[in-house]
Amino acid sequence: MAVRGLGCPVRFTLTAGQKGDAPQAAALLEGAPAEFIIADTAYDADHIRETAASKGAQAVIPNNPSRSLKHPLDKHLYAQRHLVECCFSKLKQFRRIATRYEKTARNYLAIVTIAATVLWLR
């Protein structure tokens, strides 16, 4: 999920539960303007950092402990990552999303889209 400065969802993709997060990042970042790309350690991959650099954005991603080349981290900017977590929390206030009533991915994605629209209208 990609969010704007105030924590409103901008883009999201629905994936299978066993899929990793980092491979979906390129699709979320494509065509979206950004000054900073703030993500957690799971997104510490060279291709994500390269995508951020090609956009002229600063990647604010903590280093994976196994990374040999360490990148600097602005801890004050990284503290703003809570906005993504708050967005997930707001979406889970919608019962159909939190309990996953929808049986198909298409219907679940539709409900998430409606809930995201409601968050923008608040």
PDB file of N, CA and C in Angstrom:
ATOM      1  N   MET A   1       0.839  -1.164   0.000  1.00  0.00           N
ATOM      2  CA  MET A   1       0.000   0.000   0.000  1.00  0.00           C
ATOM      3  C   MET A   1       0.891   1.236   0.000  1.00  0.00           C
ATOM      4  N   ALA A   2       0.526   2.191  -0.810  1.00  0.00           N
ATOM      5  CA  ALA A   2       1.213   3.478  -0.848  1.00  0.00           C
ATOM      6  C   ALA A   2       0.247   4.523  -0.296  1.00  0.00           C
ATOM      7  N   VAL A   3       0.746   5.384   0.587  1.00  0.00           N
ATOM      8  CA  VAL A   3      -0.089   6.429   1.181  1.00  0.00           C
ATOM      9  C   VAL A   3       0.542   7.789   0.950  1.00  0.00           C
ATOM     10  N   ARG A   4      -0.288   8.822   1.011  1.00  0.00           N
ATOM     11  CA  ARG A   4       0.202  10.200   0.906  1.00  0.00           C
ATOM     12  C   ARG A   4       0.585  10.705   2.288  1.00  0.00           C
ATOM     13  N   GLY A   5       0.975  11.951   2.356  1.00  0.00           N
ATOM     14  CA  GLY A   5       1.486  12.551   3.579  1.00  0.00           C
ATOM     15  C   GLY A   5       0.591  12.458   4.788  1.00  0.00           C
ATOM     16  N   LEU A   6      -0.726  12.496   4.626  1.00  0.00           N
ATOM     17  CA  LEU A   6      -1.630  12.447   5.773  1.00  0.00           C
ATOM     18  C   LEU A   6      -2.133  11.041   6.072  1.00  0.00           C
ATOM     19  N   GLY A   7      -1.605  10.046   5.396  1.00  0.00           N
ATOM     20  CA  GLY A   7      -1.974   8.674   5.686  1.00  0.00           C
ATOM     21  C   GLY A   7      -3.165   8.159   4.904  1.00  0.00           C
ATOM     22  N   CYS A   8      -3.566   8.851   3.850  1.00  0.00           N
ATOM     23  CA  CYS A   8      -4.669   8.374   3.011  1.00  0.00           C
ATOM     24  C   CYS A   8      -4.111   7.443   1.935  1.00  0.00           C
ATOM     25  N   PRO A   9      -4.777   6.323   1.699  1.00  0.00           N
ATOM     26  CA  PRO A   9      -4.262   5.379   0.701  1.00  0.00           C
ATOM     27  C   PRO A   9      -4.324   5.941  -0.708  1.00  0.00           C
ATOM     28  N   VAL A  10      -3.271   5.729  -1.457  1.00  0.00           N
ATOM     29  CA  VAL A  10      -3.195   6.200  -2.838  1.00  0.00           C
ATOM     30  C   VAL A  10      -3.261   5.021  -3.795  1.00  0.00           C
ATOM     31  N   ARG A  11      -2.461   4.004  -3.519  1.00  0.00           N
ATOM     32  CA  ARG A  11      -2.421   2.803  -4.352  1.00  0.00           C
ATOM     33  C   ARG A  11      -2.272   1.584  -3.462  1.00  0.00           C
ATOM     34  N   PHE A  12      -2.860   0.507  -3.918  1.00  0.00           N
ATOM     35  CA  PHE A  12      -2.675  -0.751  -3.208  1.00  0.00           C
ATOM     36  C   PHE A  12      -2.874  -1.893  -4.189  1.00  0.00           C
ATOM     37  N   THR A  13      -2.237  -2.998  -3.877  1.00  0.00           N
ATOM     38  CA  THR A  13      -2.406  -4.199  -4.680  1.00  0.00           C
ATOM     39  C   THR A  13      -2.762  -5.336  -3.740  1.00  0.00           C
ATOM     40  N   LEU A  14      -3.518  -6.254  -4.250  1.00  0.00           N
ATOM     41  CA  LEU A  14      -3.927  -7.425  -3.491  1.00  0.00           C
ATOM     42  C   LEU A  14      -3.115  -8.606  -4.001  1.00  0.00           C
ATOM     43  N   THR A  15      -2.454  -9.305  -3.102  1.00  0.00           N
ATOM     44  CA  THR A  15      -1.616 -10.436  -3.494  1.00  0.00           C
ATOM     45  C   THR A  15      -1.973 -11.646  -2.650  1.00  0.00           C
ATOM     46  N   ALA A  16      -1.450 -12.774  -3.053  1.00  0.00           N
ATOM     47  CA  ALA A  16      -1.633 -13.993  -2.272  1.00  0.00           C
ATOM     48  C   ALA A  16      -0.862 -13.859  -0.956  1.00  0.00           C
ATOM     49  N   GLY A  17      -1.327 -14.530   0.063  1.00  0.00           N
ATOM     50  CA  GLY A  17      -0.716 -14.417   1.386  1.00  0.00           C
ATOM     51  C   GLY A  17       0.732 -14.854   1.446  1.00  0.00           C
ATOM     52  N   GLN A  18       1.134 -15.782   0.599  1.00  0.00           N
ATOM     53  CA  GLN A  18       2.501 -16.293   0.645  1.00  0.00           C
ATOM     54  C   GLN A  18       3.467 -15.457  -0.185  1.00  0.00           C
ATOM     55  N   LYS A  19       2.986 -14.454  -0.900  1.00  0.00           N
ATOM     56  CA  LYS A  19       3.868 -13.620  -1.730  1.00  0.00           C
ATOM     57  C   LYS A  19       4.587 -12.592  -0.865  1.00  0.00           C
ATOM     58  N   GLY A  20       5.778 -12.248  -1.273  1.00  0.00           N
ATOM     59  CA  GLY A  20       6.551 -11.242  -0.566  1.00  0.00           C
ATOM     60  C   GLY A  20       6.075  -9.836  -0.898  1.00  0.00           C
ATOM     61  N   ASP A  21       6.468  -8.874  -0.077  1.00  0.00           N
ATOM     62  CA  ASP A  21       6.060  -7.487  -0.273  1.00  0.00           C
ATOM     63  C   ASP A  21       6.927  -6.761  -1.295  1.00  0.00           C
ATOM     64  N   ALA A  22       8.213  -6.986  -1.260  1.00  0.00           N
ATOM     65  CA  ALA A  22       9.141  -6.216  -2.088  1.00  0.00           C
ATOM     66  C   ALA A  22       8.882  -6.324  -3.590  1.00  0.00           C
ATOM     67  N   PRO A  23       8.518  -7.480  -4.144  1.00  0.00           N
ATOM     68  CA  PRO A  23       8.279  -7.530  -5.597  1.00  0.00           C
ATOM     69  C   PRO A  23       7.111  -6.634  -6.057  1.00  0.00           C
ATOM     70  N   GLN A  24       6.190  -6.320  -5.188  1.00  0.00           N
ATOM     71  CA  GLN A  24       5.043  -5.483  -5.561  1.00  0.00           C
ATOM     72  C   GLN A  24       5.375  -3.985  -5.486  1.00  0.00           C
ATOM     73  N   ALA A  25       6.475  -3.635  -4.881  1.00  0.00           N
ATOM     74  CA  ALA A  25       6.804  -2.223  -4.662  1.00  0.00           C
ATOM     75  C   ALA A  25       6.989  -1.456  -5.965  1.00  0.00           C
ATOM     76  N   ALA A  26       7.592  -2.071  -6.953  1.00  0.00           N
ATOM     77  CA  ALA A  26       7.839  -1.371  -8.219  1.00  0.00           C
ATOM     78  C   ALA A  26       6.528  -0.948  -8.880  1.00  0.00           C
ATOM     79  N   ALA A  27       5.523  -1.809  -8.845  1.00  0.00           N
ATOM     80  CA  ALA A  27       4.223  -1.471  -9.437  1.00  0.00           C
ATOM     81  C   ALA A  27       3.539  -0.346  -8.675  1.00  0.00           C
ATOM     82  N   LEU A  28       3.695  -0.310  -7.355  1.00  0.00           N
ATOM     83  CA  LEU A  28       3.090   0.755  -6.552  1.00  0.00           C
ATOM     84  C   LEU A  28       3.770   2.104  -6.793  1.00  0.00           C
ATOM     85  N   LEU A  29       5.068   2.071  -7.047  1.00  0.00           N
ATOM     86  CA  LEU A  29       5.824   3.307  -7.215  1.00  0.00           C
ATOM     87  C   LEU A  29       5.775   3.854  -8.633  1.00  0.00           C
ATOM     88  N   GLU A  30       5.410   3.030  -9.584  1.00  0.00           N
ATOM     89  CA  GLU A  30       5.429   3.428 -10.986  1.00  0.00           C
ATOM     90  C   GLU A  30       4.483   4.600 -11.257  1.00  0.00           C
ATOM     91  N   GLY A  31       5.036   5.670 -11.778  1.00  0.00           N
ATOM     92  CA  GLY A  31       4.240   6.825 -12.161  1.00  0.00           C
ATOM     93  C   GLY A  31       3.773   7.703 -11.014  1.00  0.00           C
ATOM     94  N   ALA A  32       4.116   7.361  -9.797  1.00  0.00           N
ATOM     95  CA  ALA A  32       3.690   8.158  -8.643  1.00  0.00           C
ATOM     96  C   ALA A  32       4.790   9.144  -8.262  1.00  0.00           C
ATOM     97  N   PRO A  33       4.453  10.428  -8.131  1.00  0.00           N
ATOM     98  CA  PRO A  33       5.468  11.391  -7.704  1.00  0.00           C
ATOM     99  C   PRO A  33       5.769  11.220  -6.220  1.00  0.00           C
ATOM    100  N   ALA A  34       7.024  11.383  -5.846  1.00  0.00           N
ATOM    101  CA  ALA A  34       7.396  11.251  -4.441  1.00  0.00           C
ATOM    102  C   ALA A  34       8.721  11.961  -4.187  1.00  0.00           C
ATOM    103  N   GLU A  35       8.825  12.576  -3.021  1.00  0.00           N
ATOM    104  CA  GLU A  35      10.096  13.130  -2.569  1.00  0.00           C
ATOM    105  C   GLU A  35      10.843  12.109  -1.733  1.00  0.00           C
ATOM    106  N   PHE A  36      10.061  11.340  -0.963  1.00  0.00           N
ATOM    107  CA  PHE A  36      10.628  10.323  -0.083  1.00  0.00           C
ATOM    108  C   PHE A  36       9.845   9.041  -0.257  1.00  0.00           C
ATOM    109  N   ILE A  37      10.555   7.930  -0.224  1.00  0.00           N
ATOM    110  CA  ILE A  37       9.916   6.620  -0.215  1.00  0.00           C
ATOM    111  C   ILE A  37      10.315   5.982   1.102  1.00  0.00           C
ATOM    112  N   ILE A  38       9.335   5.893   1.989  1.00  0.00           N
ATOM    113  CA  ILE A  38       9.576   5.386   3.344  1.00  0.00           C
ATOM    114  C   ILE A  38       8.985   3.986   3.430  1.00  0.00           C
ATOM    115  N   ALA A  39       9.817   3.027   3.804  1.00  0.00           N
ATOM    116  CA  ALA A  39       9.372   1.640   3.896  1.00  0.00           C
ATOM    117  C   ALA A  39      10.141   0.942   5.011  1.00  0.00           C
ATOM    118  N   ASP A  40       9.669  -0.251   5.377  1.00  0.00           N
ATOM    119  CA  ASP A  40      10.369  -0.986   6.417  1.00  0.00           C
ATOM    120  C   ASP A  40      11.460  -1.871   5.811  1.00  0.00           C
ATOM    121  N   THR A  41      12.131  -2.618   6.652  1.00  0.00           N
ATOM    122  CA  THR A  41      13.295  -3.392   6.254  1.00  0.00           C
ATOM    123  C   THR A  41      12.987  -4.428   5.175  1.00  0.00           C
ATOM    124  N   ALA A  42      11.758  -4.903   5.113  1.00  0.00           N
ATOM    125  CA  ALA A  42      11.391  -5.904   4.099  1.00  0.00           C
ATOM    126  C   ALA A  42      11.562  -5.358   2.679  1.00  0.00           C
ATOM    127  N   TYR A  43      11.540  -4.051   2.533  1.00  0.00           N
ATOM    128  CA  TYR A  43      11.666  -3.415   1.218  1.00  0.00           C
ATOM    129  C   TYR A  43      13.100  -2.990   0.907  1.00  0.00           C
ATOM    130  N   ASP A  44      14.061  -3.421   1.694  1.00  0.00           N
ATOM    131  CA  ASP A  44      15.461  -3.067   1.445  1.00  0.00           C
ATOM    132  C   ASP A  44      16.015  -3.944   0.327  1.00  0.00           C
ATOM    133  N   ALA A  45      15.781  -3.494  -0.901  1.00  0.00           N
ATOM    134  CA  ALA A  45      16.289  -4.194  -2.077  1.00  0.00           C
ATOM    135  C   ALA A  45      16.881  -3.160  -3.026  1.00  0.00           C
ATOM    136  N   ASP A  46      17.888  -3.562  -3.754  1.00  0.00           N
ATOM    137  CA  ASP A  46      18.554  -2.634  -4.657  1.00  0.00           C
ATOM    138  C   ASP A  46      17.610  -2.086  -5.717  1.00  0.00           C
ATOM    139  N   HIS A  47      16.703  -2.925  -6.229  1.00  0.00           N
ATOM    140  CA  HIS A  47      15.806  -2.435  -7.286  1.00  0.00           C
ATOM    141  C   HIS A  47      14.837  -1.378  -6.769  1.00  0.00           C
ATOM    142  N   ILE A  48      14.464  -1.445  -5.515  1.00  0.00           N
ATOM    143  CA  ILE A  48      13.583  -0.415  -4.941  1.00  0.00           C
ATOM    144  C   ILE A  48      14.361   0.879  -4.745  1.00  0.00           C
ATOM    145  N   ARG A  49      15.574   0.764  -4.259  1.00  0.00           N
ATOM    146  CA  ARG A  49      16.410   1.956  -4.091  1.00  0.00           C
ATOM    147  C   ARG A  49      16.719   2.605  -5.440  1.00  0.00           C
ATOM    148  N   GLU A  50      16.935   1.794  -6.465  1.00  0.00           N
ATOM    149  CA  GLU A  50      17.190   2.335  -7.806  1.00  0.00           C
ATOM    150  C   GLU A  50      15.949   3.029  -8.370  1.00  0.00           C
ATOM    151  N   THR A  51      14.769   2.455  -8.118  1.00  0.00           N
ATOM    152  CA  THR A  51      13.524   3.085  -8.560  1.00  0.00           C
ATOM    153  C   THR A  51      13.350   4.433  -7.880  1.00  0.00           C
ATOM    154  N   ALA A  52      13.638   4.494  -6.595  1.00  0.00           N
ATOM    155  CA  ALA A  52      13.543   5.760  -5.864  1.00  0.00           C
ATOM    156  C   ALA A  52      14.521   6.787  -6.430  1.00  0.00           C
ATOM    157  N   ALA A  53      15.736   6.362  -6.701  1.00  0.00           N
ATOM    158  CA  ALA A  53      16.740   7.279  -7.246  1.00  0.00           C
ATOM    159  C   ALA A  53      16.339   7.781  -8.632  1.00  0.00           C
ATOM    160  N   SER A  54      15.750   6.912  -9.452  1.00  0.00           N
ATOM    161  CA  SER A  54      15.338   7.339 -10.792  1.00  0.00           C
ATOM    162  C   SER A  54      14.197   8.352 -10.737  1.00  0.00           C
ATOM    163  N   LYS A  55      13.408   8.347  -9.677  1.00  0.00           N
ATOM    164  CA  LYS A  55      12.332   9.326  -9.492  1.00  0.00           C
ATOM    165  C   LYS A  55      12.849  10.621  -8.862  1.00  0.00           C
ATOM    166  N   GLY A  56      14.082  10.600  -8.400  1.00  0.00           N
ATOM    167  CA  GLY A  56      14.615  11.755  -7.694  1.00  0.00           C
ATOM    168  C   GLY A  56      14.158  11.780  -6.249  1.00  0.00           C
ATOM    169  N   ALA A  57      13.712  10.640  -5.748  1.00  0.00           N
ATOM    170  CA  ALA A  57      13.227  10.541  -4.373  1.00  0.00           C
ATOM    171  C   ALA A  57      14.303   9.923  -3.485  1.00  0.00           C
ATOM    172  N   GLN A  58      14.215  10.247  -2.228  1.00  0.00           N
ATOM    173  CA  GLN A  58      15.141   9.685  -1.254  1.00  0.00           C
ATOM    174  C   GLN A  58      14.517   8.423  -0.660  1.00  0.00           C
ATOM    175  N   ALA A  59      15.242   7.320  -0.683  1.00  0.00           N
ATOM    176  CA  ALA A  59      14.763   6.070  -0.083  1.00  0.00           C
ATOM    177  C   ALA A  59      15.086   6.086   1.400  1.00  0.00           C
ATOM    178  N   VAL A  60      14.047   6.044   2.222  1.00  0.00           N
ATOM    179  CA  VAL A  60      14.210   6.018   3.675  1.00  0.00           C
ATOM    180  C   VAL A  60      13.805   4.611   4.114  1.00  0.00           C
ATOM    181  N   ILE A  61      14.773   3.702   4.003  1.00  0.00           N
ATOM    182  CA  ILE A  61      14.529   2.286   4.276  1.00  0.00           C
ATOM    183  C   ILE A  61      15.673   1.785   5.154  1.00  0.00           C
ATOM    184  N   PRO A  62      15.360   1.183   6.304  1.00  0.00           N
ATOM    185  CA  PRO A  62      16.433   0.642   7.133  1.00  0.00           C
ATOM    186  C   PRO A  62      17.163  -0.487   6.407  1.00  0.00           C
ATOM    187  N   ASN A  63      18.419  -0.644   6.712  1.00  0.00           N
ATOM    188  CA  ASN A  63      19.228  -1.675   6.077  1.00  0.00           C
ATOM    189  C   ASN A  63      18.870  -3.054   6.614  1.00  0.00           C
ATOM    190  N   ASN A  64      18.810  -4.009   5.708  1.00  0.00           N
ATOM    191  CA  ASN A  64      18.651  -5.392   6.099  1.00  0.00           C
ATOM    192  C   ASN A  64      19.933  -5.791   6.825  1.00  0.00           C
ATOM    193  N   PRO A  65      19.846  -6.514   7.939  1.00  0.00           N
ATOM    194  CA  PRO A  65      21.074  -6.871   8.669  1.00  0.00           C
ATOM    195  C   PRO A  65      22.089  -7.646   7.831  1.00  0.00           C
ATOM    196  N   SER A  66      21.634  -8.354   6.809  1.00  0.00           N
ATOM    197  CA  SER A  66      22.569  -9.128   5.998  1.00  0.00           C
ATOM    198  C   SER A  66      23.216  -8.310   4.883  1.00  0.00           C
ATOM    199  N   ARG A  67      22.824  -7.052   4.725  1.00  0.00           N
ATOM    200  CA  ARG A  67      23.379  -6.193   3.665  1.00  0.00           C
ATOM    201  C   ARG A  67      24.812  -5.807   4.020  1.00  0.00           C
ATOM    202  N   SER A  68      25.713  -5.984   3.050  1.00  0.00           N
ATOM    203  CA  SER A  68      27.113  -5.638   3.303  1.00  0.00           C
ATOM    204  C   SER A  68      27.348  -4.141   3.114  1.00  0.00           C
ATOM    205  N   LEU A  69      26.724  -3.527   2.098  1.00  0.00           N
ATOM    206  CA  LEU A  69      26.856  -2.095   1.861  1.00  0.00           C
ATOM    207  C   LEU A  69      25.709  -1.380   2.581  1.00  0.00           C
ATOM    208  N   LYS A  70      26.035  -0.674   3.641  1.00  0.00           N
ATOM    209  CA  LYS A  70      25.007  -0.008   4.447  1.00  0.00           C
ATOM    210  C   LYS A  70      24.690   1.366   3.869  1.00  0.00           C
ATOM    211  N   HIS A  71      23.404   1.690   3.797  1.00  0.00           N
ATOM    212  CA  HIS A  71      22.937   2.988   3.331  1.00  0.00           C
ATOM    213  C   HIS A  71      22.543   3.834   4.537  1.00  0.00           C
ATOM    214  N   PRO A  72      22.718   5.152   4.465  1.00  0.00           N
ATOM    215  CA  PRO A  72      22.333   6.003   5.599  1.00  0.00           C
ATOM    216  C   PRO A  72      20.810   6.026   5.759  1.00  0.00           C
ATOM    217  N   LEU A  73      20.364   6.242   6.996  1.00  0.00           N
ATOM    218  CA  LEU A  73      18.931   6.275   7.306  1.00  0.00           C
ATOM    219  C   LEU A  73      18.620   7.537   8.103  1.00  0.00           C
ATOM    220  N   ASP A  74      17.668   8.319   7.621  1.00  0.00           N
ATOM    221  CA  ASP A  74      17.194   9.496   8.347  1.00  0.00           C
ATOM    222  C   ASP A  74      16.099   9.039   9.302  1.00  0.00           C
ATOM    223  N   LYS A  75      16.443   8.931  10.587  1.00  0.00           N
ATOM    224  CA  LYS A  75      15.499   8.384  11.571  1.00  0.00           C
ATOM    225  C   LYS A  75      14.289   9.275  11.789  1.00  0.00           C
ATOM    226  N   HIS A  76      14.447  10.579  11.583  1.00  0.00           N
ATOM    227  CA  HIS A  76      13.305  11.487  11.747  1.00  0.00           C
ATOM    228  C   HIS A  76      12.278  11.271  10.639  1.00  0.00           C
ATOM    229  N   LEU A  77      12.754  11.073   9.423  1.00  0.00           N
ATOM    230  CA  LEU A  77      11.829  10.767   8.326  1.00  0.00           C
ATOM    231  C   LEU A  77      11.236   9.372   8.486  1.00  0.00           C
ATOM    232  N   TYR A  78      12.042   8.421   8.924  1.00  0.00           N
ATOM    233  CA  TYR A  78      11.549   7.054   9.090  1.00  0.00           C
ATOM    234  C   TYR A  78      10.439   6.988  10.137  1.00  0.00           C
ATOM    235  N   ALA A  79      10.454   7.896  11.078  1.00  0.00           N
ATOM    236  CA  ALA A  79       9.408   7.920  12.105  1.00  0.00           C
ATOM    237  C   ALA A  79       8.035   8.190  11.497  1.00  0.00           C
ATOM    238  N   GLN A  80       7.998   8.761  10.295  1.00  0.00           N
ATOM    239  CA  GLN A  80       6.712   9.035   9.632  1.00  0.00           C
ATOM    240  C   GLN A  80       6.095   7.790   9.007  1.00  0.00           C
ATOM    241  N   ARG A  81       6.789   6.648   9.075  1.00  0.00           N
ATOM    242  CA  ARG A  81       6.248   5.412   8.521  1.00  0.00           C
ATOM    243  C   ARG A  81       4.994   4.967   9.264  1.00  0.00           C
ATOM    244  N   HIS A  82       4.780   5.513  10.437  1.00  0.00           N
ATOM    245  CA  HIS A  82       3.585   5.148  11.199  1.00  0.00           C
ATOM    246  C   HIS A  82       2.303   5.498  10.441  1.00  0.00           C
ATOM    247  N   LEU A  83       2.390   6.420   9.472  1.00  0.00           N
ATOM    248  CA  LEU A  83       1.201   6.795   8.703  1.00  0.00           C
ATOM    249  C   LEU A  83       0.652   5.617   7.904  1.00  0.00           C
ATOM    250  N   VAL A  84       1.529   4.759   7.413  1.00  0.00           N
ATOM    251  CA  VAL A  84       1.072   3.569   6.692  1.00  0.00           C
ATOM    252  C   VAL A  84       0.369   2.623   7.660  1.00  0.00           C
ATOM    253  N   GLU A  85       0.962   2.429   8.824  1.00  0.00           N
ATOM    254  CA  GLU A  85       0.347   1.548   9.818  1.00  0.00           C
ATOM    255  C   GLU A  85      -0.996   2.104  10.281  1.00  0.00           C
ATOM    256  N   CYS A  86      -1.085   3.413  10.420  1.00  0.00           N
ATOM    257  CA  CYS A  86      -2.360   4.039  10.797  1.00  0.00           C
ATOM    258  C   CYS A  86      -3.406   3.848   9.706  1.00  0.00           C
ATOM    259  N   CYS A  87      -2.984   3.880   8.460  1.00  0.00           N
ATOM    260  CA  CYS A  87      -3.899   3.666   7.344  1.00  0.00           C
ATOM    261  C   CYS A  87      -4.454   2.248   7.391  1.00  0.00           C
ATOM    262  N   PHE A  88      -3.598   1.265   7.634  1.00  0.00           N
ATOM    263  CA  PHE A  88      -4.079  -0.113   7.766  1.00  0.00           C
ATOM    264  C   PHE A  88      -5.058  -0.226   8.929  1.00  0.00           C
ATOM    265  N   SER A  89      -4.743   0.448  10.021  1.00  0.00           N
ATOM    266  CA  SER A  89      -5.633   0.419  11.178  1.00  0.00           C
ATOM    267  C   SER A  89      -6.996   1.024  10.853  1.00  0.00           C
ATOM    268  N   LYS A  90      -7.002   2.130  10.113  1.00  0.00           N
ATOM    269  CA  LYS A  90      -8.272   2.757   9.725  1.00  0.00           C
ATOM    270  C   LYS A  90      -9.074   1.844   8.811  1.00  0.00           C
ATOM    271  N   LEU A  91      -8.384   1.166   7.888  1.00  0.00           N
ATOM    272  CA  LEU A  91      -9.087   0.249   6.984  1.00  0.00           C
ATOM    273  C   LEU A  91      -9.679  -0.930   7.747  1.00  0.00           C
ATOM    274  N   LYS A  92      -8.984  -1.383   8.777  1.00  0.00           N
ATOM    275  CA  LYS A  92      -9.486  -2.523   9.544  1.00  0.00           C
ATOM    276  C   LYS A  92     -10.662  -2.154  10.447  1.00  0.00           C
ATOM    277  N   GLN A  93     -10.981  -0.868  10.542  1.00  0.00           N
ATOM    278  CA  GLN A  93     -12.173  -0.462  11.273  1.00  0.00           C
ATOM    279  C   GLN A  93     -13.436  -0.859  10.511  1.00  0.00           C
ATOM    280  N   PHE A  94     -13.287  -1.103   9.217  1.00  0.00           N
ATOM    281  CA  PHE A  94     -14.399  -1.591   8.411  1.00  0.00           C
ATOM    282  C   PHE A  94     -14.479  -3.105   8.618  1.00  0.00           C
ATOM    283  N   ARG A  95     -15.576  -3.564   9.154  1.00  0.00           N
ATOM    284  CA  ARG A  95     -15.712  -4.954   9.564  1.00  0.00           C
ATOM    285  C   ARG A  95     -15.497  -5.938   8.415  1.00  0.00           C
ATOM    286  N   ARG A  96     -15.998  -5.623   7.241  1.00  0.00           N
ATOM    287  CA  ARG A  96     -15.860  -6.536   6.105  1.00  0.00           C
ATOM    288  C   ARG A  96     -14.393  -6.728   5.712  1.00  0.00           C
ATOM    289  N   ILE A  97     -13.581  -5.721   5.956  1.00  0.00           N
ATOM    290  CA  ILE A  97     -12.159  -5.834   5.629  1.00  0.00           C
ATOM    291  C   ILE A  97     -11.434  -6.622   6.711  1.00  0.00           C
ATOM    292  N   ALA A  98     -11.698  -6.294   7.966  1.00  0.00           N
ATOM    293  CA  ALA A  98     -11.000  -6.946   9.067  1.00  0.00           C
ATOM    294  C   ALA A  98     -11.304  -8.440   9.136  1.00  0.00           C
ATOM    295  N   THR A  99     -12.547  -8.831   8.852  1.00  0.00           N
ATOM    296  CA  THR A  99     -12.927 -10.241   8.958  1.00  0.00           C
ATOM    297  C   THR A  99     -12.880 -10.973   7.634  1.00  0.00           C
ATOM    298  N   ARG A 100     -12.599 -10.267   6.542  1.00  0.00           N
ATOM    299  CA  ARG A 100     -12.458 -10.850   5.210  1.00  0.00           C
ATOM    300  C   ARG A 100     -13.664 -11.698   4.824  1.00  0.00           C
ATOM    301  N   TYR A 101     -14.835 -11.068   4.906  1.00  0.00           N
ATOM    302  CA  TYR A 101     -16.073 -11.759   4.530  1.00  0.00           C
ATOM    303  C   TYR A 101     -16.100 -12.169   3.066  1.00  0.00           C
ATOM    304  N   GLU A 102     -15.500 -11.361   2.214  1.00  0.00           N
ATOM    305  CA  GLU A 102     -15.579 -11.614   0.781  1.00  0.00           C
ATOM    306  C   GLU A 102     -14.813 -12.882   0.419  1.00  0.00           C
ATOM    307  N   LYS A 103     -15.408 -13.698  -0.416  1.00  0.00           N
ATOM    308  CA  LYS A 103     -14.813 -14.985  -0.778  1.00  0.00           C
ATOM    309  C   LYS A 103     -13.828 -14.884  -1.946  1.00  0.00           C
ATOM    310  N   THR A 104     -14.024 -13.912  -2.830  1.00  0.00           N
ATOM    311  CA  THR A 104     -13.153 -13.794  -3.997  1.00  0.00           C
ATOM    312  C   THR A 104     -12.252 -12.568  -3.865  1.00  0.00           C
ATOM    313  N   ALA A 105     -11.105 -12.639  -4.508  1.00  0.00           N
ATOM    314  CA  ALA A 105     -10.161 -11.523  -4.472  1.00  0.00           C
ATOM    315  C   ALA A 105     -10.774 -10.283  -5.126  1.00  0.00           C
ATOM    316  N   ARG A 106     -11.546 -10.480  -6.193  1.00  0.00           N
ATOM    317  CA  ARG A 106     -12.174  -9.354  -6.888  1.00  0.00           C
ATOM    318  C   ARG A 106     -13.117  -8.598  -5.955  1.00  0.00           C
ATOM    319  N   ASN A 107     -13.944  -9.325  -5.221  1.00  0.00           N
ATOM    320  CA  ASN A 107     -14.891  -8.676  -4.309  1.00  0.00           C
ATOM    321  C   ASN A 107     -14.173  -8.019  -3.130  1.00  0.00           C
ATOM    322  N   TYR A 108     -13.136  -8.684  -2.616  1.00  0.00           N
ATOM    323  CA  TYR A 108     -12.390  -8.108  -1.499  1.00  0.00           C
ATOM    324  C   TYR A 108     -11.693  -6.818  -1.932  1.00  0.00           C
ATOM    325  N   LEU A 109     -11.122  -6.822  -3.124  1.00  0.00           N
ATOM    326  CA  LEU A 109     -10.477  -5.620  -3.646  1.00  0.00           C
ATOM    327  C   LEU A 109     -11.491  -4.492  -3.817  1.00  0.00           C
ATOM    328  N   ALA A 110     -12.695  -4.822  -4.230  1.00  0.00           N
ATOM    329  CA  ALA A 110     -13.743  -3.809  -4.378  1.00  0.00           C
ATOM    330  C   ALA A 110     -14.101  -3.199  -3.028  1.00  0.00           C
ATOM    331  N   ILE A 111     -14.205  -4.015  -1.999  1.00  0.00           N
ATOM    332  CA  ILE A 111     -14.538  -3.510  -0.655  1.00  0.00           C
ATOM    333  C   ILE A 111     -13.408  -2.631  -0.124  1.00  0.00           C
ATOM    334  N   VAL A 112     -12.174  -3.038  -0.348  1.00  0.00           N
ATOM    335  CA  VAL A 112     -11.032  -2.225   0.096  1.00  0.00           C
ATOM    336  C   VAL A 112     -11.028  -0.889  -0.642  1.00  0.00           C
ATOM    337  N   THR A 113     -11.354  -0.897  -1.915  1.00  0.00           N
ATOM    338  CA  THR A 113     -11.414   0.339  -2.700  1.00  0.00           C
ATOM    339  C   THR A 113     -12.497   1.268  -2.162  1.00  0.00           C
ATOM    340  N   ILE A 114     -13.644   0.728  -1.832  1.00  0.00           N
ATOM    341  CA  ILE A 114     -14.733   1.548  -1.270  1.00  0.00           C
ATOM    342  C   ILE A 114     -14.312   2.128   0.077  1.00  0.00           C
ATOM    343  N   ALA A 115     -13.689   1.307   0.923  1.00  0.00           N
ATOM    344  CA  ALA A 115     -13.238   1.788   2.230  1.00  0.00           C
ATOM    345  C   ALA A 115     -12.171   2.872   2.079  1.00  0.00           C
ATOM    346  N   ALA A 116     -11.256   2.706   1.111  1.00  0.00           N
ATOM    347  CA  ALA A 116     -10.229   3.721   0.879  1.00  0.00           C
ATOM    348  C   ALA A 116     -10.861   5.024   0.412  1.00  0.00           C
ATOM    349  N   THR A 117     -11.896   4.931  -0.396  1.00  0.00           N
ATOM    350  CA  THR A 117     -12.608   6.130  -0.849  1.00  0.00           C
ATOM    351  C   THR A 117     -13.263   6.841   0.326  1.00  0.00           C
ATOM    352  N   VAL A 118     -13.840   6.078   1.228  1.00  0.00           N
ATOM    353  CA  VAL A 118     -14.462   6.674   2.423  1.00  0.00           C
ATOM    354  C   VAL A 118     -13.408   7.383   3.269  1.00  0.00           C
ATOM    355  N   LEU A 119     -12.211   6.793   3.389  1.00  0.00           N
ATOM    356  CA  LEU A 119     -11.147   7.452   4.143  1.00  0.00           C
ATOM    357  C   LEU A 119     -10.750   8.774   3.506  1.00  0.00           C
ATOM    358  N   TRP A 120     -10.749   8.839   2.176  1.00  0.00           N
ATOM    359  CA  TRP A 120     -10.422  10.097   1.496  1.00  0.00           C
ATOM    360  C   TRP A 120     -11.505  11.138   1.720  1.00  0.00           C
ATOM    361  N   LEU A 121     -12.757  10.705   1.847  1.00  0.00           N
ATOM    362  CA  LEU A 121     -13.857  11.659   2.001  1.00  0.00           C
ATOM    363  C   LEU A 121     -13.982  12.199   3.422  1.00  0.00           C
ATOM    364  N   ARG A 122     -13.371  11.553   4.379  1.00  0.00           N
ATOM    365  CA  ARG A 122     -13.468  12.009   5.778  1.00  0.00           C
ATOM    366  C   ARG A 122     -12.739  13.297   6.005  1.00  0.00           C
TER     367      ARG A 122
END
